[in-house]
Amino acid sequence: MNVRNAAPALVGALRIALGLVLLIAGILKAHDGAAATAASIAGYRVLPPALNATFGVLLPYLEIVLGGYLASGFYARGAALVAAAQFLVFAGAVASLVVRGIPADCGCFGSGVRTPPSWGHVAADLALALLALGVARFGPGRFAVDASSRGAGREPSAS
């Protein structure tokens, strides 16, 4: 396999991995319930209380939808752009916790996984954003609904 043939496989693997991260995060938040997710969001102290409740309801399902789109490769580039923006917002929010010295749990994977804010966490969110931007730029990669519907992503013929 040469580099030219490996690139779609790598992009496809990254797309699927990002999709699984978002699916798992969204499912765990949905399982916790809107109140727990809203409480986690409120811990950041950046939104008015009414928006905390709204985002507590919406965020888990946004992550589930984005994760599903990325994992399947359906509207992969658009989903990757939205995911990159989301990861950038998360990085900024966690950075604000670090700078302000607020020890709130990030809530990334629901209430069952305690993750204190740190610069390493900010770096991880920025890395995820960069990977999502790579998928948006070079995607959808192999094994994507988008690719198979256009005939892309298939092995080139021998002719």
C-alpha atoms as a PDB file:
ATOM      1  CA  MET A   1       0.000   0.000   0.000  1.00  0.00           C
ATOM      2  CA  ASN A   2       1.499   3.340  -0.993  1.00  0.00           C
ATOM      3  CA  VAL A   3       1.004   6.674   0.756  1.00  0.00           C
ATOM      4  CA  ARG A   4      -1.622   7.774  -1.746  1.00  0.00           C
ATOM      5  CA  ASN A   5      -3.776   4.748  -0.950  1.00  0.00           C
ATOM      6  CA  ALA A   6      -3.084   4.956   2.802  1.00  0.00           C
ATOM      7  CA  ALA A   7      -4.321   8.545   3.217  1.00  0.00           C
ATOM      8  CA  PRO A   8      -8.040   7.780   2.735  1.00  0.00           C
ATOM      9  CA  ALA A   9      -7.750   4.889   5.185  1.00  0.00           C
ATOM     10  CA  LEU A  10      -6.062   7.128   7.775  1.00  0.00           C
ATOM     11  CA  VAL A  11      -8.656   9.879   7.343  1.00  0.00           C
ATOM     12  CA  GLY A  12     -11.428   7.300   7.583  1.00  0.00           C
ATOM     13  CA  ALA A  13      -9.951   5.857  10.771  1.00  0.00           C
ATOM     14  CA  LEU A  14      -9.627   9.336  12.311  1.00  0.00           C
ATOM     15  CA  ARG A  15     -13.205  10.173  11.310  1.00  0.00           C
ATOM     16  CA  ILE A  16     -14.529   6.997  12.897  1.00  0.00           C
ATOM     17  CA  ALA A  17     -12.458   7.532  16.068  1.00  0.00           C
ATOM     18  CA  LEU A  18     -13.725  11.109  16.444  1.00  0.00           C
ATOM     19  CA  GLY A  19     -17.257   9.888  15.851  1.00  0.00           C
ATOM     20  CA  LEU A  20     -16.919   7.244  18.548  1.00  0.00           C
ATOM     21  CA  VAL A  21     -15.531   9.780  21.043  1.00  0.00           C
ATOM     22  CA  LEU A  22     -18.528  12.046  20.446  1.00  0.00           C
ATOM     23  CA  LEU A  23     -21.023   9.167  20.497  1.00  0.00           C
ATOM     24  CA  ILE A  24     -19.692   7.863  23.810  1.00  0.00           C
ATOM     25  CA  ALA A  25     -19.584  11.347  25.362  1.00  0.00           C
ATOM     26  CA  GLY A  26     -23.115  12.122  24.215  1.00  0.00           C
ATOM     27  CA  ILE A  27     -24.553   8.787  25.318  1.00  0.00           C
ATOM     28  CA  LEU A  28     -22.987   9.092  28.781  1.00  0.00           C
ATOM     29  CA  LYS A  29     -24.326  12.644  29.161  1.00  0.00           C
ATOM     30  CA  ALA A  30     -27.778  11.590  27.957  1.00  0.00           C
ATOM     31  CA  HIS A  31     -27.723   8.717  30.434  1.00  0.00           C
ATOM     32  CA  ASP A  32     -26.897  11.159  33.262  1.00  0.00           C
ATOM     33  CA  GLY A  33     -29.866  13.312  32.290  1.00  0.00           C
ATOM     34  CA  ALA A  34     -30.324  16.944  31.404  1.00  0.00           C
ATOM     35  CA  ALA A  35     -30.109  18.162  35.012  1.00  0.00           C
ATOM     36  CA  ALA A  36     -26.681  16.578  35.571  1.00  0.00           C
ATOM     37  CA  THR A  37     -25.367  17.913  32.275  1.00  0.00           C
ATOM     38  CA  ALA A  38     -26.757  21.380  33.050  1.00  0.00           C
ATOM     39  CA  ALA A  39     -25.096  21.271  36.484  1.00  0.00           C
ATOM     40  CA  SER A  40     -21.782  20.417  34.848  1.00  0.00           C
ATOM     41  CA  ILE A  41     -22.185  23.290  32.381  1.00  0.00           C
ATOM     42  CA  ALA A  42     -23.130  25.635  35.245  1.00  0.00           C
ATOM     43  CA  GLY A  43     -19.826  24.748  36.935  1.00  0.00           C
ATOM     44  CA  TYR A  44     -18.004  26.637  34.204  1.00  0.00           C
ATOM     45  CA  ARG A  45     -19.744  29.871  35.294  1.00  0.00           C
ATOM     46  CA  VAL A  46     -19.895  31.319  31.777  1.00  0.00           C
ATOM     47  CA  LEU A  47     -23.563  31.037  30.769  1.00  0.00           C
ATOM     48  CA  PRO A  48     -26.751  32.419  32.285  1.00  0.00           C
ATOM     49  CA  PRO A  49     -28.681  29.752  34.258  1.00  0.00           C
ATOM     50  CA  ALA A  50     -31.431  29.533  31.622  1.00  0.00           C
ATOM     51  CA  LEU A  51     -28.859  28.640  28.959  1.00  0.00           C
ATOM     52  CA  ASN A  52     -27.253  26.056  31.231  1.00  0.00           C
ATOM     53  CA  ALA A  53     -30.551  24.190  31.289  1.00  0.00           C
ATOM     54  CA  THR A  54     -31.016  24.536  27.515  1.00  0.00           C
ATOM     55  CA  PHE A  55     -27.511  23.279  26.756  1.00  0.00           C
ATOM     56  CA  GLY A  56     -27.988  20.524  29.331  1.00  0.00           C
ATOM     57  CA  VAL A  57     -30.785  19.200  27.143  1.00  0.00           C
ATOM     58  CA  LEU A  58     -29.208  19.853  23.727  1.00  0.00           C
ATOM     59  CA  LEU A  59     -25.514  19.045  24.169  1.00  0.00           C
ATOM     60  CA  PRO A  60     -25.780  15.261  24.609  1.00  0.00           C
ATOM     61  CA  TYR A  61     -27.926  14.901  21.504  1.00  0.00           C
ATOM     62  CA  LEU A  62     -25.733  17.230  19.440  1.00  0.00           C
ATOM     63  CA  GLU A  63     -22.776  15.014  20.327  1.00  0.00           C
ATOM     64  CA  ILE A  64     -24.718  11.848  19.499  1.00  0.00           C
ATOM     65  CA  VAL A  65     -25.805  13.218  16.100  1.00  0.00           C
ATOM     66  CA  LEU A  66     -22.315  14.530  15.249  1.00  0.00           C
ATOM     67  CA  GLY A  67     -20.759  11.281  16.390  1.00  0.00           C
ATOM     68  CA  GLY A  68     -23.183   9.259  14.294  1.00  0.00           C
ATOM     69  CA  TYR A  69     -22.535  11.364  11.221  1.00  0.00           C
ATOM     70  CA  LEU A  70     -18.779  11.112  11.653  1.00  0.00           C
ATOM     71  CA  ALA A  71     -18.734   7.391  12.427  1.00  0.00           C
ATOM     72  CA  SER A  72     -20.897   6.604   9.404  1.00  0.00           C
ATOM     73  CA  GLY A  73     -19.323   9.167   7.123  1.00  0.00           C
ATOM     74  CA  PHE A  74     -22.670  10.783   6.365  1.00  0.00           C
ATOM     75  CA  TYR A  75     -22.160  14.517   5.732  1.00  0.00           C
ATOM     76  CA  ALA A  76     -18.725  13.861   7.175  1.00  0.00           C
ATOM     77  CA  ARG A  77     -17.048  17.126   6.222  1.00  0.00           C
ATOM     78  CA  GLY A  78     -19.828  19.308   7.598  1.00  0.00           C
ATOM     79  CA  ALA A  79     -20.060  17.239  10.774  1.00  0.00           C
ATOM     80  CA  ALA A  80     -16.286  17.460  11.179  1.00  0.00           C
ATOM     81  CA  LEU A  81     -16.413  21.261  10.923  1.00  0.00           C
ATOM     82  CA  VAL A  82     -19.129  21.463  13.571  1.00  0.00           C
ATOM     83  CA  ALA A  83     -17.182  19.033  15.774  1.00  0.00           C
ATOM     84  CA  ALA A  84     -14.010  21.122  15.366  1.00  0.00           C
ATOM     85  CA  ALA A  85     -15.903  24.227  16.450  1.00  0.00           C
ATOM     86  CA  GLN A  86     -17.329  22.333  19.412  1.00  0.00           C
ATOM     87  CA  PHE A  87     -13.872  21.108  20.483  1.00  0.00           C
ATOM     88  CA  LEU A  88     -12.532  24.671  20.204  1.00  0.00           C
ATOM     89  CA  VAL A  89     -15.359  25.943  22.425  1.00  0.00           C
ATOM     90  CA  PHE A  90     -14.605  23.157  24.902  1.00  0.00           C
ATOM     91  CA  ALA A  91     -10.887  24.071  24.877  1.00  0.00           C
ATOM     92  CA  GLY A  92     -11.730  27.708  25.585  1.00  0.00           C
ATOM     93  CA  ALA A  93     -14.137  26.772  28.368  1.00  0.00           C
ATOM     94  CA  VAL A  94     -11.648  24.458  30.074  1.00  0.00           C
ATOM     95  CA  ALA A  95      -8.886  27.069  29.667  1.00  0.00           C
ATOM     96  CA  SER A  96     -11.152  29.579  31.410  1.00  0.00           C
ATOM     97  CA  LEU A  97     -11.499  27.171  34.341  1.00  0.00           C
ATOM     98  CA  VAL A  98      -7.720  26.775  34.579  1.00  0.00           C
ATOM     99  CA  VAL A  99      -7.057  30.527  34.367  1.00  0.00           C
ATOM    100  CA  ARG A 100      -9.756  31.360  36.926  1.00  0.00           C
ATOM    101  CA  GLY A 101      -8.694  28.532  39.244  1.00  0.00           C
ATOM    102  CA  ILE A 102     -12.151  26.938  39.276  1.00  0.00           C
ATOM    103  CA  PRO A 103     -11.863  23.212  40.070  1.00  0.00           C
ATOM    104  CA  ALA A 104     -15.101  22.252  38.269  1.00  0.00           C
ATOM    105  CA  ASP A 105     -15.304  18.849  36.635  1.00  0.00           C
ATOM    106  CA  CYS A 106     -15.311  19.137  32.851  1.00  0.00           C
ATOM    107  CA  GLY A 107     -18.251  16.756  32.384  1.00  0.00           C
ATOM    108  CA  CYS A 108     -16.855  15.566  29.054  1.00  0.00           C
ATOM    109  CA  PHE A 109     -17.909  11.968  29.559  1.00  0.00           C
ATOM    110  CA  GLY A 110     -20.770  12.513  31.947  1.00  0.00           C
ATOM    111  CA  SER A 111     -20.698  12.550  35.707  1.00  0.00           C
ATOM    112  CA  GLY A 112     -19.096   9.113  36.000  1.00  0.00           C
ATOM    113  CA  VAL A 113     -15.689  10.266  34.741  1.00  0.00           C
ATOM    114  CA  ARG A 114     -14.177  12.993  36.905  1.00  0.00           C
ATOM    115  CA  THR A 115     -11.740  15.157  34.970  1.00  0.00           C
ATOM    116  CA  PRO A 116     -10.359  18.270  36.620  1.00  0.00           C
ATOM    117  CA  PRO A 117      -9.426  21.186  34.364  1.00  0.00           C
ATOM    118  CA  SER A 118      -5.805  21.312  33.221  1.00  0.00           C
ATOM    119  CA  TRP A 119      -3.691  22.614  30.375  1.00  0.00           C
ATOM    120  CA  GLY A 120      -3.306  19.014  29.221  1.00  0.00           C
ATOM    121  CA  HIS A 121      -7.070  18.810  28.869  1.00  0.00           C
ATOM    122  CA  VAL A 122      -7.046  22.032  26.837  1.00  0.00           C
ATOM    123  CA  ALA A 123      -4.327  20.553  24.614  1.00  0.00           C
ATOM    124  CA  ALA A 124      -6.389  17.378  24.117  1.00  0.00           C
ATOM    125  CA  ASP A 125      -9.435  19.423  23.034  1.00  0.00           C
ATOM    126  CA  LEU A 126      -7.250  21.445  20.643  1.00  0.00           C
ATOM    127  CA  ALA A 127      -5.791  18.219  19.216  1.00  0.00           C
ATOM    128  CA  LEU A 128      -9.291  16.843  18.669  1.00  0.00           C
ATOM    129  CA  ALA A 129     -10.240  20.097  16.916  1.00  0.00           C
ATOM    130  CA  LEU A 130      -7.212  19.807  14.625  1.00  0.00           C
ATOM    131  CA  LEU A 131      -8.049  16.193  13.805  1.00  0.00           C
ATOM    132  CA  ALA A 132     -11.634  17.184  13.038  1.00  0.00           C
ATOM    133  CA  LEU A 133     -10.377  19.973  10.768  1.00  0.00           C
ATOM    134  CA  GLY A 134      -8.192  17.408   9.004  1.00  0.00           C
ATOM    135  CA  VAL A 135     -11.237  15.217   8.397  1.00  0.00           C
ATOM    136  CA  ALA A 136     -13.152  18.254   7.130  1.00  0.00           C
ATOM    137  CA  ARG A 137     -10.324  19.115   4.740  1.00  0.00           C
ATOM    138  CA  PHE A 138      -9.315  15.656   3.526  1.00  0.00           C
ATOM    139  CA  GLY A 139     -12.419  13.579   4.296  1.00  0.00           C
ATOM    140  CA  PRO A 140     -14.512  11.671   4.286  1.00  0.00           C
ATOM    141  CA  GLY A 141     -11.936   8.900   3.844  1.00  0.00           C
ATOM    142  CA  ARG A 142     -12.589   5.212   3.418  1.00  0.00           C
ATOM    143  CA  PHE A 143     -15.712   3.430   4.606  1.00  0.00           C
ATOM    144  CA  ALA A 144     -17.900   6.540   4.468  1.00  0.00           C
ATOM    145  CA  VAL A 145     -21.477   6.781   3.291  1.00  0.00           C
ATOM    146  CA  ASP A 146     -20.488  10.017   1.511  1.00  0.00           C
ATOM    147  CA  ALA A 147     -17.642   8.310  -0.354  1.00  0.00           C
ATOM    148  CA  SER A 148     -19.586   5.242  -1.395  1.00  0.00           C
ATOM    149  CA  SER A 149     -22.538   7.272  -2.633  1.00  0.00           C
ATOM    150  CA  ARG A 150     -20.237   9.167  -4.998  1.00  0.00           C
ATOM    151  CA  GLY A 151     -18.112   6.176  -5.971  1.00  0.00           C
ATOM    152  CA  ALA A 152     -15.130   7.578  -4.090  1.00  0.00           C
ATOM    153  CA  GLY A 153     -13.333   5.595  -1.447  1.00  0.00           C
ATOM    154  CA  ARG A 154     -13.365   2.419  -3.520  1.00  0.00           C
ATOM    155  CA  GLU A 155     -10.246   0.685  -4.599  1.00  0.00           C
ATOM    156  CA  PRO A 156      -9.095   1.906  -8.012  1.00  0.00           C
ATOM    157  CA  SER A 157      -9.691  -0.523 -10.837  1.00  0.00           C
ATOM    158  CA  ALA A 158      -6.778  -2.356 -12.438  1.00  0.00           C
ATOM    159  CA  SER A 159      -7.490  -0.924 -15.875  1.00  0.00           C
END
